[in-house]
């Protein structure tokens, strides 16, 4: 009986710990500003160390020069460091740009030429 009770306590503790971890996951929010003279057509982000890019945040939308947009990354992860990839309109003089930032520490990010 004592062994079974210990097992139940261990399972309950694991469930509580998992709940606490998921409760700590917060959405990452920041303002993205296009400080270039070109249209920003795609924006991707992924936690640093993840091999593939997540979905394009813009979908069908674009970010014109000088415009800003509020970005929310609600992926349920508890990491702060993200890789970001910016793609510009075809014919632009700007190449695809990548950067890594601690998104928990920043309230805004401006992409420059």
PDB file of N, CA and C in Angstrom:
ATOM      1  N   UNK A   1       0.815  -1.189   0.000  1.00  0.00           N
ATOM      2  CA  UNK A   1       0.000   0.000   0.000  1.00  0.00           C
ATOM      3  C   UNK A   1       0.865   1.262   0.000  1.00  0.00           C
ATOM      4  N   UNK A   2       1.925   1.242   0.808  1.00  0.00           N
ATOM      5  CA  UNK A   2       2.817   2.393   0.893  1.00  0.00           C
ATOM      6  C   UNK A   2       3.469   2.674  -0.467  1.00  0.00           C
ATOM      7  N   UNK A   3       3.859   1.624  -1.191  1.00  0.00           N
ATOM      8  CA  UNK A   3       4.479   1.758  -2.494  1.00  0.00           C
ATOM      9  C   UNK A   3       3.493   2.368  -3.493  1.00  0.00           C
ATOM     10  N   UNK A   4       2.257   1.929  -3.444  1.00  0.00           N
ATOM     11  CA  UNK A   4       1.239   2.444  -4.358  1.00  0.00           C
ATOM     12  C   UNK A   4       0.958   3.922  -4.069  1.00  0.00           C
ATOM     13  N   UNK A   5       0.896   4.292  -2.808  1.00  0.00           N
ATOM     14  CA  UNK A   5       0.667   5.682  -2.424  1.00  0.00           C
ATOM     15  C   UNK A   5       1.830   6.560  -2.890  1.00  0.00           C
ATOM     16  N   UNK A   6       3.049   6.065  -2.764  1.00  0.00           N
ATOM     17  CA  UNK A   6       4.225   6.806  -3.234  1.00  0.00           C
ATOM     18  C   UNK A   6       4.150   7.023  -4.740  1.00  0.00           C
ATOM     19  N   UNK A   7       3.689   6.006  -5.458  1.00  0.00           N
ATOM     20  CA  UNK A   7       3.538   6.110  -6.914  1.00  0.00           C
ATOM     21  C   UNK A   7       2.504   7.153  -7.286  1.00  0.00           C
ATOM     22  N   UNK A   8       1.378   7.181  -6.582  1.00  0.00           N
ATOM     23  CA  UNK A   8       0.339   8.161  -6.852  1.00  0.00           C
ATOM     24  C   UNK A   8       0.822   9.580  -6.554  1.00  0.00           C
ATOM     25  N   UNK A   9       1.582   9.734  -5.491  1.00  0.00           N
ATOM     26  CA  UNK A   9       2.129  11.044  -5.141  1.00  0.00           C
ATOM     27  C   UNK A   9       3.110  11.506  -6.221  1.00  0.00           C
ATOM     28  N   UNK A  10       3.921  10.591  -6.718  1.00  0.00           N
ATOM     29  CA  UNK A  10       4.878  10.931  -7.766  1.00  0.00           C
ATOM     30  C   UNK A  10       4.158  11.375  -9.040  1.00  0.00           C
ATOM     31  N   UNK A  11       3.086  10.672  -9.416  1.00  0.00           N
ATOM     32  CA  UNK A  11       2.315  11.038 -10.608  1.00  0.00           C
ATOM     33  C   UNK A  11       1.671  12.406 -10.409  1.00  0.00           C
ATOM     34  N   UNK A  12       1.071  12.625  -9.241  1.00  0.00           N
ATOM     35  CA  UNK A  12       0.430  13.913  -8.949  1.00  0.00           C
ATOM     36  C   UNK A  12       1.459  15.043  -8.999  1.00  0.00           C
ATOM     37  N   UNK A  13       2.644  14.808  -8.448  1.00  0.00           N
ATOM     38  CA  UNK A  13       3.704  15.819  -8.461  1.00  0.00           C
ATOM     39  C   UNK A  13       4.125  16.153  -9.887  1.00  0.00           C
ATOM     40  N   UNK A  14       4.221  15.137 -10.740  1.00  0.00           N
ATOM     41  CA  UNK A  14       4.607  15.346 -12.134  1.00  0.00           C
ATOM     42  C   UNK A  14       3.554  16.183 -12.864  1.00  0.00           C
ATOM     43  N   UNK A  15       2.279  15.906 -12.599  1.00  0.00           N
ATOM     44  CA  UNK A  15       1.200  16.674 -13.243  1.00  0.00           C
ATOM     45  C   UNK A  15       1.237  18.127 -12.785  1.00  0.00           C
ATOM     46  N   UNK A  16       1.439  18.351 -11.508  1.00  0.00           N
ATOM     47  CA  UNK A  16       1.509  19.716 -10.980  1.00  0.00           C
ATOM     48  C   UNK A  16       2.707  20.449 -11.570  1.00  0.00           C
ATOM     49  N   UNK A  17       3.845  19.784 -11.668  1.00  0.00           N
ATOM     50  CA  UNK A  17       5.042  20.413 -12.232  1.00  0.00           C
ATOM     51  C   UNK A  17       4.825  20.774 -13.696  1.00  0.00           C
ATOM     52  N   UNK A  18       4.202  19.882 -14.454  1.00  0.00           N
ATOM     53  CA  UNK A  18       3.934  20.158 -15.868  1.00  0.00           C
ATOM     54  C   UNK A  18       2.975  21.335 -16.013  1.00  0.00           C
ATOM     55  N   UNK A  19       1.995  21.421 -15.139  1.00  0.00           N
ATOM     56  CA  UNK A  19       1.053  22.538 -15.173  1.00  0.00           C
ATOM     57  C   UNK A  19       1.759  23.841 -14.861  1.00  0.00           C
ATOM     58  N   UNK A  20       2.662  23.823 -13.923  1.00  0.00           N
ATOM     59  CA  UNK A  20       3.395  25.038 -13.553  1.00  0.00           C
ATOM     60  C   UNK A  20       4.258  25.515 -14.706  1.00  0.00           C
ATOM     61  N   UNK A  21       4.892  24.593 -15.416  1.00  0.00           N
ATOM     62  CA  UNK A  21       5.742  24.962 -16.548  1.00  0.00           C
ATOM     63  C   UNK A  21       4.898  25.585 -17.647  1.00  0.00           C
ATOM     64  N   UNK A  22       3.760  24.972 -18.001  1.00  0.00           N
ATOM     65  CA  UNK A  22       2.943  25.521 -19.072  1.00  0.00           C
ATOM     66  C   UNK A  22       2.310  26.844 -18.651  1.00  0.00           C
ATOM     67  N   UNK A  23       2.053  27.018 -17.373  1.00  0.00           N
ATOM     68  CA  UNK A  23       1.490  28.284 -16.904  1.00  0.00           C
ATOM     69  C   UNK A  23       2.503  29.408 -17.029  1.00  0.00           C
ATOM     70  N   UNK A  24       3.798  29.097 -17.014  1.00  0.00           N
ATOM     71  CA  UNK A  24       4.837  30.111 -17.129  1.00  0.00           C
ATOM     72  C   UNK A  24       5.035  30.563 -18.577  1.00  0.00           C
ATOM     73  N   UNK A  25       4.598  29.771 -19.540  1.00  0.00           N
ATOM     74  CA  UNK A  25       4.769  30.134 -20.937  1.00  0.00           C
ATOM     75  C   UNK A  25       3.881  31.334 -21.238  1.00  0.00           C
ATOM     76  N   UNK A  26       4.500  32.424 -21.670  1.00  0.00           N
ATOM     77  CA  UNK A  26       3.756  33.622 -21.996  1.00  0.00           C
ATOM     78  C   UNK A  26       3.976  33.961 -23.456  1.00  0.00           C
ATOM     79  N   UNK A  27       2.987  34.623 -24.027  1.00  0.00           N
ATOM     80  CA  UNK A  27       3.137  35.097 -25.386  1.00  0.00           C
ATOM     81  C   UNK A  27       4.217  36.166 -25.429  1.00  0.00           C
ATOM     82  N   UNK A  28       5.027  36.135 -26.469  1.00  0.00           N
ATOM     83  CA  UNK A  28       6.047  37.167 -26.679  1.00  0.00           C
ATOM     84  C   UNK A  28       5.443  38.230 -27.579  1.00  0.00           C
ATOM     85  N   UNK A  29       5.453  39.474 -27.129  1.00  0.00           N
ATOM     86  CA  UNK A  29       4.844  40.565 -27.882  1.00  0.00           C
ATOM     87  C   UNK A  29       5.864  41.674 -28.088  1.00  0.00           C
ATOM     88  N   UNK A  30       5.896  42.191 -29.320  1.00  0.00           N
ATOM     89  CA  UNK A  30       6.761  43.328 -29.624  1.00  0.00           C
ATOM     90  C   UNK A  30       6.247  44.025 -30.871  1.00  0.00           C
ATOM     91  N   UNK A  31       6.690  45.248 -31.066  1.00  0.00           N
ATOM     92  CA  UNK A  31       6.309  46.028 -32.250  1.00  0.00           C
ATOM     93  C   UNK A  31       7.436  45.915 -33.269  1.00  0.00           C
ATOM     94  N   UNK A  32       7.091  45.502 -34.484  1.00  0.00           N
ATOM     95  CA  UNK A  32       8.048  45.399 -35.585  1.00  0.00           C
ATOM     96  C   UNK A  32       7.839  46.588 -36.509  1.00  0.00           C
ATOM     97  N   UNK A  33       8.925  47.316 -36.779  1.00  0.00           N
ATOM     98  CA  UNK A  33       8.866  48.481 -37.659  1.00  0.00           C
ATOM     99  C   UNK A  33       9.769  48.246 -38.859  1.00  0.00           C
ATOM    100  N   UNK A  34       9.256  48.556 -40.038  1.00  0.00           N
ATOM    101  CA  UNK A  34      10.042  48.468 -41.260  1.00  0.00           C
ATOM    102  C   UNK A  34      10.726  49.813 -41.475  1.00  0.00           C
ATOM    103  N   UNK A  35      11.994  49.894 -41.106  1.00  0.00           N
ATOM    104  CA  UNK A  35      12.773  51.117 -41.263  1.00  0.00           C
ATOM    105  C   UNK A  35      13.546  51.163 -42.567  1.00  0.00           C
ATOM    106  N   UNK A  36      13.139  50.358 -43.535  1.00  0.00           N
ATOM    107  CA  UNK A  36      13.807  50.331 -44.833  1.00  0.00           C
ATOM    108  C   UNK A  36      12.966  51.098 -45.853  1.00  0.00           C
ATOM    109  N   UNK A  37      13.481  51.196 -47.084  1.00  0.00           N
ATOM    110  CA  UNK A  37      12.732  51.808 -48.181  1.00  0.00           C
ATOM    111  C   UNK A  37      12.055  50.750 -49.045  1.00  0.00           C
ATOM    112  N   UNK A  38      12.042  49.509 -48.593  1.00  0.00           N
ATOM    113  CA  UNK A  38      11.452  48.404 -49.359  1.00  0.00           C
ATOM    114  C   UNK A  38      10.313  47.759 -48.591  1.00  0.00           C
ATOM    115  N   UNK A  39       9.418  47.120 -49.336  1.00  0.00           N
ATOM    116  CA  UNK A  39       8.288  46.418 -48.729  1.00  0.00           C
ATOM    117  C   UNK A  39       8.784  45.107 -48.127  1.00  0.00           C
ATOM    118  N   UNK A  40       8.466  44.895 -46.868  1.00  0.00           N
ATOM    119  CA  UNK A  40       8.795  43.648 -46.175  1.00  0.00           C
ATOM    120  C   UNK A  40       7.649  42.679 -46.442  1.00  0.00           C
ATOM    121  N   UNK A  41       7.942  41.595 -47.156  1.00  0.00           N
ATOM    122  CA  UNK A  41       6.874  40.689 -47.594  1.00  0.00           C
ATOM    123  C   UNK A  41       6.688  39.478 -46.688  1.00  0.00           C
ATOM    124  N   UNK A  42       7.749  39.044 -46.027  1.00  0.00           N
ATOM    125  CA  UNK A  42       7.652  37.863 -45.160  1.00  0.00           C
ATOM    126  C   UNK A  42       8.497  38.060 -43.908  1.00  0.00           C
ATOM    127  N   UNK A  43       7.967  37.548 -42.791  1.00  0.00           N
ATOM    128  CA  UNK A  43       8.689  37.575 -41.527  1.00  0.00           C
ATOM    129  C   UNK A  43       8.517  36.218 -40.859  1.00  0.00           C
ATOM    130  N   UNK A  44       9.633  35.569 -40.599  1.00  0.00           N
ATOM    131  CA  UNK A  44       9.634  34.262 -39.955  1.00  0.00           C
ATOM    132  C   UNK A  44      10.377  34.369 -38.629  1.00  0.00           C
ATOM    133  N   UNK A  45       9.994  33.536 -37.682  1.00  0.00           N
ATOM    134  CA  UNK A  45      10.744  33.447 -36.427  1.00  0.00           C
ATOM    135  C   UNK A  45      10.725  31.997 -35.962  1.00  0.00           C
ATOM    136  N   UNK A  46      11.770  31.624 -35.277  1.00  0.00           N
ATOM    137  CA  UNK A  46      11.885  30.296 -34.675  1.00  0.00           C
ATOM    138  C   UNK A  46      12.808  30.406 -33.476  1.00  0.00           C
ATOM    139  N   UNK A  47      12.554  29.632 -32.453  1.00  0.00           N
ATOM    140  CA  UNK A  47      13.487  29.638 -31.321  1.00  0.00           C
ATOM    141  C   UNK A  47      14.892  29.285 -31.802  1.00  0.00           C
ATOM    142  N   UNK A  48      15.892  29.950 -31.253  1.00  0.00           N
ATOM    143  CA  UNK A  48      17.273  29.661 -31.613  1.00  0.00           C
ATOM    144  C   UNK A  48      17.554  28.178 -31.394  1.00  0.00           C
ATOM    145  N   UNK A  49      18.190  27.557 -32.377  1.00  0.00           N
ATOM    146  CA  UNK A  49      18.515  26.141 -32.287  1.00  0.00           C
ATOM    147  C   UNK A  49      17.513  25.237 -32.980  1.00  0.00           C
ATOM    148  N   UNK A  50      16.352  25.772 -33.381  1.00  0.00           N
ATOM    149  CA  UNK A  50      15.367  24.979 -34.123  1.00  0.00           C
ATOM    150  C   UNK A  50      15.772  25.032 -35.591  1.00  0.00           C
ATOM    151  N   UNK A  51      15.791  23.883 -36.251  1.00  0.00           N
ATOM    152  CA  UNK A  51      16.326  23.788 -37.604  1.00  0.00           C
ATOM    153  C   UNK A  51      15.444  24.451 -38.666  1.00  0.00           C
ATOM    154  N   UNK A  52      14.143  24.484 -38.480  1.00  0.00           N
ATOM    155  CA  UNK A  52      13.239  25.001 -39.510  1.00  0.00           C
ATOM    156  C   UNK A  52      12.561  26.286 -39.056  1.00  0.00           C
ATOM    157  N   UNK A  53      12.198  27.123 -40.026  1.00  0.00           N
ATOM    158  CA  UNK A  53      11.465  28.344 -39.729  1.00  0.00           C
ATOM    159  C   UNK A  53      10.008  28.005 -39.466  1.00  0.00           C
ATOM    160  N   UNK A  54       9.386  28.757 -38.552  1.00  0.00           N
ATOM    161  CA  UNK A  54       7.950  28.643 -38.313  1.00  0.00           C
ATOM    162  C   UNK A  54       7.232  29.278 -39.504  1.00  0.00           C
ATOM    163  N   UNK A  55       5.901  29.320 -39.466  1.00  0.00           N
ATOM    164  CA  UNK A  55       5.125  29.906 -40.558  1.00  0.00           C
ATOM    165  C   UNK A  55       5.401  31.400 -40.693  1.00  0.00           C
ATOM    166  N   UNK A  56       5.192  31.920 -41.907  1.00  0.00           N
ATOM    167  CA  UNK A  56       5.307  33.353 -42.156  1.00  0.00           C
ATOM    168  C   UNK A  56       4.264  34.080 -41.310  1.00  0.00           C
ATOM    169  N   UNK A  57       4.713  35.006 -40.483  1.00  0.00           N
ATOM    170  CA  UNK A  57       3.823  35.735 -39.575  1.00  0.00           C
ATOM    171  C   UNK A  57       2.836  36.606 -40.358  1.00  0.00           C
ATOM    172  N   UNK A  58       3.250  37.166 -41.494  1.00  0.00           N
ATOM    173  CA  UNK A  58       2.410  38.090 -42.241  1.00  0.00           C
ATOM    174  C   UNK A  58       1.270  37.410 -43.003  1.00  0.00           C
ATOM    175  N   UNK A  59       1.453  36.163 -43.402  1.00  0.00           N
ATOM    176  CA  UNK A  59       0.437  35.523 -44.240  1.00  0.00           C
ATOM    177  C   UNK A  59       0.345  36.258 -45.565  1.00  0.00           C
ATOM    178  N   UNK A  60      -0.819  36.789 -45.883  1.00  0.00           N
ATOM    179  CA  UNK A  60      -1.024  37.515 -47.141  1.00  0.00           C
ATOM    180  C   UNK A  60      -0.653  38.996 -47.027  1.00  0.00           C
ATOM    181  N   UNK A  61      -0.406  39.491 -45.827  1.00  0.00           N
ATOM    182  CA  UNK A  61      -0.110  40.903 -45.611  1.00  0.00           C
ATOM    183  C   UNK A  61       1.361  41.206 -45.866  1.00  0.00           C
ATOM    184  N   UNK A  62       1.683  42.489 -45.968  1.00  0.00           N
ATOM    185  CA  UNK A  62       3.061  42.973 -46.097  1.00  0.00           C
ATOM    186  C   UNK A  62       3.228  44.149 -45.144  1.00  0.00           C
ATOM    187  N   UNK A  63       4.469  44.565 -44.945  1.00  0.00           N
ATOM    188  CA  UNK A  63       4.754  45.724 -44.105  1.00  0.00           C
ATOM    189  C   UNK A  63       5.485  46.754 -44.966  1.00  0.00           C
ATOM    190  N   UNK A  64       4.791  47.826 -45.286  1.00  0.00           N
ATOM    191  CA  UNK A  64       5.350  48.869 -46.137  1.00  0.00           C
ATOM    192  C   UNK A  64       6.424  49.662 -45.393  1.00  0.00           C
ATOM    193  N   UNK A  65       7.285  50.376 -46.132  1.00  0.00           N
ATOM    194  CA  UNK A  65       8.310  51.200 -45.498  1.00  0.00           C
ATOM    195  C   UNK A  65       7.691  52.174 -44.493  1.00  0.00           C
ATOM    196  N   UNK A  66       8.292  52.246 -43.306  1.00  0.00           N
ATOM    197  CA  UNK A  66       7.830  53.147 -42.266  1.00  0.00           C
ATOM    198  C   UNK A  66       6.670  52.634 -41.430  1.00  0.00           C
ATOM    199  N   UNK A  67       6.044  51.552 -41.837  1.00  0.00           N
ATOM    200  CA  UNK A  67       4.916  51.011 -41.081  1.00  0.00           C
ATOM    201  C   UNK A  67       5.389  50.128 -39.931  1.00  0.00           C
ATOM    202  N   UNK A  68       4.503  49.978 -38.950  1.00  0.00           N
ATOM    203  CA  UNK A  68       4.755  49.106 -37.802  1.00  0.00           C
ATOM    204  C   UNK A  68       3.589  48.151 -37.634  1.00  0.00           C
ATOM    205  N   UNK A  69       3.870  47.027 -36.985  1.00  0.00           N
ATOM    206  CA  UNK A  69       2.845  46.037 -36.698  1.00  0.00           C
ATOM    207  C   UNK A  69       3.164  45.411 -35.346  1.00  0.00           C
ATOM    208  N   UNK A  70       2.125  45.122 -34.585  1.00  0.00           N
ATOM    209  CA  UNK A  70       2.308  44.418 -33.318  1.00  0.00           C
ATOM    210  C   UNK A  70       2.389  42.928 -33.612  1.00  0.00           C
ATOM    211  N   UNK A  71       3.463  42.298 -33.156  1.00  0.00           N
ATOM    212  CA  UNK A  71       3.705  40.868 -33.368  1.00  0.00           C
ATOM    213  C   UNK A  71       3.494  40.139 -32.050  1.00  0.00           C
ATOM    214  N   UNK A  72       2.779  39.023 -32.114  1.00  0.00           N
ATOM    215  CA  UNK A  72       2.631  38.139 -30.963  1.00  0.00           C
ATOM    216  C   UNK A  72       3.087  36.758 -31.374  1.00  0.00           C
ATOM    217  N   UNK A  73       4.045  36.219 -30.655  1.00  0.00           N
ATOM    218  CA  UNK A  73       4.484  34.843 -30.870  1.00  0.00           C
ATOM    219  C   UNK A  73       3.884  34.032 -29.729  1.00  0.00           C
ATOM    220  N   UNK A  74       2.867  33.270 -30.055  1.00  0.00           N
ATOM    221  CA  UNK A  74       2.134  32.493 -29.051  1.00  0.00           C
ATOM    222  C   UNK A  74       2.354  31.011 -29.320  1.00  0.00           C
ATOM    223  N   UNK A  75       3.600  30.579 -29.194  1.00  0.00           N
ATOM    224  CA  UNK A  75       3.922  29.192 -29.513  1.00  0.00           C
ATOM    225  C   UNK A  75       3.983  28.287 -28.286  1.00  0.00           C
ATOM    226  N   UNK A  76       3.716  28.843 -27.113  1.00  0.00           N
ATOM    227  CA  UNK A  76       3.690  28.031 -25.902  1.00  0.00           C
ATOM    228  C   UNK A  76       5.051  27.661 -25.351  1.00  0.00           C
ATOM    229  N   UNK A  77       6.105  28.145 -25.983  1.00  0.00           N
ATOM    230  CA  UNK A  77       7.446  27.828 -25.508  1.00  0.00           C
ATOM    231  C   UNK A  77       7.841  28.781 -24.384  1.00  0.00           C
ATOM    232  N   UNK A  78       8.811  28.358 -23.609  1.00  0.00           N
ATOM    233  CA  UNK A  78       9.292  29.188 -22.507  1.00  0.00           C
ATOM    234  C   UNK A  78      10.674  29.759 -22.803  1.00  0.00           C
ATOM    235  N   UNK A  79      11.034  29.858 -24.078  1.00  0.00           N
ATOM    236  CA  UNK A  79      12.333  30.403 -24.466  1.00  0.00           C
ATOM    237  C   UNK A  79      12.174  31.866 -24.857  1.00  0.00           C
ATOM    238  N   UNK A  80      13.268  32.587 -24.836  1.00  0.00           N
ATOM    239  CA  UNK A  80      13.246  34.014 -25.175  1.00  0.00           C
ATOM    240  C   UNK A  80      14.032  34.334 -26.441  1.00  0.00           C
ATOM    241  N   UNK A  81      15.078  33.559 -26.712  1.00  0.00           N
ATOM    242  CA  UNK A  81      15.956  33.849 -27.838  1.00  0.00           C
ATOM    243  C   UNK A  81      15.382  33.254 -29.130  1.00  0.00           C
ATOM    244  N   UNK A  82      15.100  34.137 -30.086  1.00  0.00           N
ATOM    245  CA  UNK A  82      14.520  33.725 -31.362  1.00  0.00           C
ATOM    246  C   UNK A  82      15.374  34.192 -32.520  1.00  0.00           C
ATOM    247  N   UNK A  83      15.448  33.358 -33.550  1.00  0.00           N
ATOM    248  CA  UNK A  83      16.020  33.750 -34.827  1.00  0.00           C
ATOM    249  C   UNK A  83      14.896  34.364 -35.642  1.00  0.00           C
ATOM    250  N   UNK A  84      15.211  35.418 -36.384  1.00  0.00           N
ATOM    251  CA  UNK A  84      14.216  36.085 -37.216  1.00  0.00           C
ATOM    252  C   UNK A  84      14.732  36.179 -38.639  1.00  0.00           C
ATOM    253  N   UNK A  85      13.820  36.038 -39.586  1.00  0.00           N
ATOM    254  CA  UNK A  85      14.169  36.108 -41.006  1.00  0.00           C
ATOM    255  C   UNK A  85      13.219  37.098 -41.682  1.00  0.00           C
ATOM    256  N   UNK A  86      13.799  38.040 -42.419  1.00  0.00           N
ATOM    257  CA  UNK A  86      13.035  39.082 -43.096  1.00  0.00           C
ATOM    258  C   UNK A  86      13.262  38.952 -44.597  1.00  0.00           C
ATOM    259  N   UNK A  87      12.177  38.897 -45.367  1.00  0.00           N
ATOM    260  CA  UNK A  87      12.276  38.824 -46.823  1.00  0.00           C
ATOM    261  C   UNK A  87      11.569  40.038 -47.423  1.00  0.00           C
ATOM    262  N   UNK A  88      12.196  40.615 -48.445  1.00  0.00           N
ATOM    263  CA  UNK A  88      11.683  41.837 -49.058  1.00  0.00           C
ATOM    264  C   UNK A  88      11.114  41.555 -50.439  1.00  0.00           C
ATOM    265  N   UNK A  89      10.339  42.535 -50.955  1.00  0.00           N
ATOM    266  CA  UNK A  89       9.676  42.367 -52.241  1.00  0.00           C
ATOM    267  C   UNK A  89      10.681  42.064 -53.349  1.00  0.00           C
ATOM    268  N   UNK A  90      10.203  41.335 -54.332  1.00  0.00           N
ATOM    269  CA  UNK A  90      11.042  41.002 -55.481  1.00  0.00           C
ATOM    270  C   UNK A  90      11.456  42.295 -56.179  1.00  0.00           C
ATOM    271  N   UNK A  91      12.691  42.388 -56.579  1.00  0.00           N
ATOM    272  CA  UNK A  91      13.202  43.585 -57.233  1.00  0.00           C
ATOM    273  C   UNK A  91      13.770  44.602 -56.257  1.00  0.00           C
ATOM    274  N   UNK A  92      13.646  44.321 -54.966  1.00  0.00           N
ATOM    275  CA  UNK A  92      14.205  45.216 -53.957  1.00  0.00           C
ATOM    276  C   UNK A  92      15.727  45.106 -53.980  1.00  0.00           C
ATOM    277  N   UNK A  93      16.390  46.163 -53.554  1.00  0.00           N
ATOM    278  CA  UNK A  93      17.854  46.109 -53.473  1.00  0.00           C
ATOM    279  C   UNK A  93      18.313  45.472 -52.166  1.00  0.00           C
ATOM    280  N   UNK A  94      17.362  45.015 -51.332  1.00  0.00           N
ATOM    281  CA  UNK A  94      17.701  44.396 -50.051  1.00  0.00           C
ATOM    282  C   UNK A  94      17.655  42.882 -50.144  1.00  0.00           C
ATOM    283  N   UNK A  95      18.655  42.257 -49.569  1.00  0.00           N
ATOM    284  CA  UNK A  95      18.697  40.793 -49.525  1.00  0.00           C
ATOM    285  C   UNK A  95      17.927  40.312 -48.301  1.00  0.00           C
ATOM    286  N   UNK A  96      17.613  39.037 -48.304  1.00  0.00           N
ATOM    287  CA  UNK A  96      17.011  38.431 -47.120  1.00  0.00           C
ATOM    288  C   UNK A  96      17.940  38.656 -45.937  1.00  0.00           C
ATOM    289  N   UNK A  97      17.376  39.054 -44.815  1.00  0.00           N
ATOM    290  CA  UNK A  97      18.147  39.390 -43.628  1.00  0.00           C
ATOM    291  C   UNK A  97      17.743  38.485 -42.479  1.00  0.00           C
ATOM    292  N   UNK A  98      18.714  38.051 -41.686  1.00  0.00           N
ATOM    293  CA  UNK A  98      18.437  37.245 -40.500  1.00  0.00           C
ATOM    294  C   UNK A  98      19.100  37.883 -39.285  1.00  0.00           C
ATOM    295  N   UNK A  99      18.464  37.707 -38.125  1.00  0.00           N
ATOM    296  CA  UNK A  99      18.977  38.270 -36.888  1.00  0.00           C
ATOM    297  C   UNK A  99      18.509  37.382 -35.739  1.00  0.00           C
ATOM    298  N   UNK A 100      19.193  37.465 -34.609  1.00  0.00           N
ATOM    299  CA  UNK A 100      18.806  36.740 -33.402  1.00  0.00           C
ATOM    300  C   UNK A 100      18.659  37.747 -32.276  1.00  0.00           C
ATOM    301  N   UNK A 101      17.548  37.656 -31.540  1.00  0.00           N
ATOM    302  CA  UNK A 101      17.285  38.589 -30.449  1.00  0.00           C
ATOM    303  C   UNK A 101      16.631  37.870 -29.279  1.00  0.00           C
ATOM    304  N   UNK A 102      16.797  38.434 -28.097  1.00  0.00           N
ATOM    305  CA  UNK A 102      16.082  37.991 -26.905  1.00  0.00           C
ATOM    306  C   UNK A 102      14.756  38.746 -26.894  1.00  0.00           C
ATOM    307  N   UNK A 103      13.694  38.114 -27.355  1.00  0.00           N
ATOM    308  CA  UNK A 103      12.413  38.789 -27.519  1.00  0.00           C
ATOM    309  C   UNK A 103      11.727  39.085 -26.198  1.00  0.00           C
ATOM    310  N   UNK A 104      12.132  38.438 -25.128  1.00  0.00           N
ATOM    311  CA  UNK A 104      11.555  38.745 -23.812  1.00  0.00           C
ATOM    312  C   UNK A 104      12.022  40.112 -23.321  1.00  0.00           C
ATOM    313  N   UNK A 105      13.175  40.567 -23.780  1.00  0.00           N
ATOM    314  CA  UNK A 105      13.772  41.815 -23.307  1.00  0.00           C
ATOM    315  C   UNK A 105      13.404  43.025 -24.161  1.00  0.00           C
ATOM    316  N   UNK A 106      12.839  42.798 -25.340  1.00  0.00           N
ATOM    317  CA  UNK A 106      12.601  43.928 -26.231  1.00  0.00           C
ATOM    318  C   UNK A 106      11.124  44.235 -26.386  1.00  0.00           C
ATOM    319  N   UNK A 107      10.816  45.500 -26.485  1.00  0.00           N
ATOM    320  CA  UNK A 107       9.431  45.908 -26.701  1.00  0.00           C
ATOM    321  C   UNK A 107       9.197  46.279 -28.158  1.00  0.00           C
ATOM    322  N   UNK A 108      10.308  46.514 -28.893  1.00  0.00           N
ATOM    323  CA  UNK A 108      10.173  46.860 -30.299  1.00  0.00           C
ATOM    324  C   UNK A 108      11.444  46.447 -31.045  1.00  0.00           C
ATOM    325  N   UNK A 109      11.293  46.288 -32.345  1.00  0.00           N
ATOM    326  CA  UNK A 109      12.423  45.929 -33.203  1.00  0.00           C
ATOM    327  C   UNK A 109      12.225  46.649 -34.527  1.00  0.00           C
ATOM    328  N   UNK A 110      13.256  47.346 -34.982  1.00  0.00           N
ATOM    329  CA  UNK A 110      13.202  48.024 -36.283  1.00  0.00           C
ATOM    330  C   UNK A 110      14.218  47.391 -37.199  1.00  0.00           C
ATOM    331  N   UNK A 111      13.758  46.956 -38.359  1.00  0.00           N
ATOM    332  CA  UNK A 111      14.662  46.415 -39.374  1.00  0.00           C
ATOM    333  C   UNK A 111      15.152  47.602 -40.201  1.00  0.00           C
ATOM    334  N   UNK A 112      16.483  47.704 -40.352  1.00  0.00           N
ATOM    335  CA  UNK A 112      17.107  48.797 -41.104  1.00  0.00           C
ATOM    336  C   UNK A 112      17.807  48.221 -42.315  1.00  0.00           C
ATOM    337  N   UNK A 113      18.101  49.115 -43.270  1.00  0.00           N
ATOM    338  CA  UNK A 113      18.844  48.697 -44.465  1.00  0.00           C
ATOM    339  C   UNK A 113      20.288  48.456 -44.122  1.00  0.00           C
TER     340      UNK A 113
END
